[in-house]
Amino acid sequence: MKAAQVLNSVAHAKGQWAYHIEWIPKYRRNVFRKERNKRDMEGILLNVAAAHGMHVLELAVQPDHVHVVVEVPPAMSLARAAQLLKGRSSYEYFRLNPNLRLMYRKGHLWTPGKFYRTVGDVGLNHMRAYVRNQGDAFQRTLADFSHTKGIPTL
């Protein structure tokens, strides 16, 4: 069994709480087009997730958006996980790059919205491949990764 497919155990419960979350910088600016900025944000997101008990399965920081497939503790809601990832990463990124505050005057790096989807064992490998291949110029849509009959596609 792969590490990502191991079920988590808590008092009287067993399960997997994995989500694919995607969000964008305010004004859809290409703030992560430089490799250094991209690496900085990847490191920040990994540190934030680890500090709050989340396990990042896949991470793709694109020039104008971020994809993350993450397992969260059972007591943590999706909204709280996204709040922690977006809020703390914004704070840490502004500390590393104080001049960015000139572009984002109110101190908000990210838009308030997000895309999210729950991910189970069947969809986990497809979702991880989708996120892993985000930098590929020939990337297909998420629907192209769904090979199971009877599962609605996007």
Protein backbone atom coordinates (compact mmCIF):
# COMPACT_ATOMS: atom_id res chain seq x y z
CA MET A 1 0.00 0.00 0.00
CA LYS A 2 1.36 3.43 -0.91
CA ALA A 3 1.91 6.01 1.82
CA ALA A 4 -0.81 8.25 0.37
CA GLN A 5 -3.36 5.41 0.57
CA VAL A 6 -2.80 4.56 4.22
CA LEU A 7 -5.88 5.24 6.30
CA ASN A 8 -5.46 7.50 9.32
CA SER A 9 -6.73 6.26 12.67
CA VAL A 10 -8.23 8.41 15.38
CA ALA A 11 -10.46 7.52 18.32
CA HIS A 12 -13.15 5.19 16.96
CA ALA A 13 -12.62 6.29 13.35
CA LYS A 14 -10.49 5.45 10.37
CA GLY A 15 -10.32 7.35 7.11
CA GLN A 16 -8.52 9.64 4.72
CA TRP A 17 -9.07 13.38 4.55
CA ALA A 18 -7.39 14.48 1.32
CA TYR A 19 -8.23 17.56 -0.74
CA HIS A 20 -7.09 19.17 -3.96
CA ILE A 21 -7.04 22.92 -3.32
CA GLU A 22 -6.22 25.61 -5.88
CA TRP A 23 -6.03 29.39 -5.45
CA ILE A 24 -4.69 32.43 -7.26
CA PRO A 25 -2.81 35.61 -6.37
CA LYS A 26 -4.78 38.82 -6.27
CA TYR A 27 -5.23 40.42 -9.70
CA ARG A 28 -3.97 37.10 -11.20
CA ARG A 29 -0.45 38.53 -11.28
CA ASN A 30 2.40 36.27 -12.40
CA VAL A 31 4.21 36.71 -9.11
CA PHE A 32 5.84 33.25 -9.21
CA ARG A 33 7.27 33.32 -12.73
CA LYS A 34 10.81 33.65 -11.33
CA GLU A 35 12.25 30.34 -10.15
CA ARG A 36 13.42 31.86 -6.85
CA ASN A 37 9.92 33.13 -6.01
CA LYS A 38 8.44 29.76 -6.90
CA ARG A 39 10.94 27.88 -4.68
CA ASP A 40 10.33 30.31 -1.82
CA MET A 41 6.56 29.76 -1.97
CA GLU A 42 6.97 25.97 -2.20
CA GLY A 43 9.15 25.97 0.91
CA ILE A 44 6.77 28.24 2.79
CA LEU A 45 3.72 26.11 1.94
CA LEU A 46 5.50 22.90 2.97
CA ASN A 47 6.55 24.46 6.30
CA VAL A 48 3.05 25.83 7.01
CA ALA A 49 1.45 22.48 6.26
CA ALA A 50 3.89 20.59 8.47
CA ALA A 51 3.45 23.08 11.34
CA HIS A 52 -0.31 22.45 11.36
CA GLY A 53 -0.27 18.67 10.98
CA MET A 54 -1.07 18.60 7.27
CA HIS A 55 0.75 16.32 4.85
CA VAL A 56 1.36 17.70 1.34
CA LEU A 57 1.08 14.92 -1.25
CA GLU A 58 1.64 17.09 -4.33
CA LEU A 59 2.45 20.75 -4.78
CA ALA A 60 2.63 22.82 -7.97
CA VAL A 61 3.33 26.55 -7.80
CA GLN A 62 2.58 28.05 -11.20
CA PRO A 63 3.29 31.66 -12.25
CA ASP A 64 -0.32 32.70 -11.56
CA HIS A 65 -1.83 29.99 -9.33
CA VAL A 66 -1.07 27.26 -6.80
CA HIS A 67 -2.22 23.61 -6.71
CA VAL A 68 -1.84 21.50 -3.59
CA VAL A 69 -3.05 17.97 -2.81
CA VAL A 70 -3.02 17.76 0.96
CA GLU A 71 -4.11 15.39 3.72
CA VAL A 72 -5.49 17.22 6.73
CA PRO A 73 -6.10 16.07 10.32
CA PRO A 74 -9.66 14.78 10.83
CA ALA A 75 -10.60 17.61 13.19
CA MET A 76 -9.59 20.28 10.63
CA SER A 77 -12.13 21.58 8.16
CA LEU A 78 -11.29 22.33 4.56
CA ALA A 79 -11.94 26.03 5.16
CA ARG A 80 -9.51 26.07 8.08
CA ALA A 81 -6.84 24.22 6.06
CA ALA A 82 -7.14 26.72 3.19
CA GLN A 83 -7.13 29.64 5.65
CA LEU A 84 -3.93 28.40 7.27
CA LEU A 85 -2.17 27.69 3.97
CA LYS A 86 -3.15 30.97 2.32
CA GLY A 87 -2.87 33.25 5.34
CA ARG A 88 0.42 32.09 6.75
CA SER A 89 2.05 31.71 3.32
CA SER A 90 1.06 35.28 2.48
CA TYR A 91 2.52 36.56 5.75
CA GLU A 92 5.79 34.65 5.32
CA TYR A 93 6.12 35.58 1.64
CA PHE A 94 5.71 39.29 2.41
CA ARG A 95 8.38 38.96 5.11
CA LEU A 96 10.79 37.53 2.49
CA ASN A 97 9.78 40.08 -0.17
CA PRO A 98 8.75 43.34 1.54
CA ASN A 99 8.68 45.24 -1.77
CA LEU A 100 5.70 43.15 -2.86
CA ARG A 101 3.57 45.15 -0.44
CA LEU A 102 3.73 47.96 -3.00
CA MET A 103 1.87 45.74 -5.50
CA TYR A 104 -0.58 44.40 -2.90
CA ARG A 105 -1.37 47.50 -0.87
CA LYS A 106 -3.84 45.99 1.57
CA GLY A 107 -1.51 43.12 2.42
CA HIS A 108 -3.53 40.42 0.65
CA LEU A 109 -1.43 38.23 -1.62
CA TRP A 110 -4.25 35.80 -2.42
CA THR A 111 -7.80 36.30 -3.65
CA PRO A 112 -10.48 35.33 -1.12
CA GLY A 113 -11.71 32.43 -3.29
CA LYS A 114 -10.45 28.91 -3.83
CA PHE A 115 -11.21 25.78 -5.80
CA TYR A 116 -11.37 22.54 -3.86
CA ARG A 117 -12.29 18.94 -4.39
CA THR A 118 -12.19 15.94 -2.11
CA VAL A 119 -9.87 13.18 -3.24
CA GLY A 120 -10.32 9.48 -2.48
CA ASP A 121 -8.03 6.54 -3.21
CA VAL A 122 -9.40 6.06 -6.71
CA GLY A 123 -9.01 9.69 -7.67
CA LEU A 124 -5.85 10.34 -5.68
CA ASN A 125 -3.42 9.01 -8.27
CA HIS A 126 -5.23 10.85 -11.06
CA MET A 127 -5.27 14.07 -9.03
CA ARG A 128 -1.59 13.75 -8.14
CA ALA A 129 -0.69 13.21 -11.81
CA TYR A 130 -2.79 16.24 -12.78
CA VAL A 131 -1.03 18.47 -10.24
CA ARG A 132 2.41 17.03 -11.01
CA ASN A 133 2.00 17.78 -14.73
CA GLN A 134 0.81 21.38 -14.34
CA GLY A 135 4.01 22.75 -15.86
CA ASP A 136 3.62 20.55 -18.96
CA ALA A 137 2.74 22.61 -22.03
CA PHE A 138 0.64 19.70 -23.32
CA GLN A 139 -1.33 19.23 -20.09
CA ARG A 140 -4.77 17.80 -20.60
CA THR A 141 -7.81 18.65 -18.53
CA LEU A 142 -8.70 16.82 -15.33
CA ALA A 143 -11.46 14.97 -17.20
CA ASP A 144 -8.81 13.26 -19.36
CA PHE A 145 -7.45 11.52 -16.25
CA SER A 146 -10.76 9.90 -15.30
CA HIS A 147 -10.68 6.37 -16.72
CA THR A 148 -13.33 4.86 -14.48
CA LYS A 149 -16.73 4.21 -16.06
CA GLY A 150 -19.72 5.65 -14.26
CA ILE A 151 -17.81 8.44 -12.53
CA PRO A 152 -18.96 11.85 -13.74
CA THR A 153 -16.18 13.88 -15.34
CA LEU A 154 -15.69 17.61 -15.44
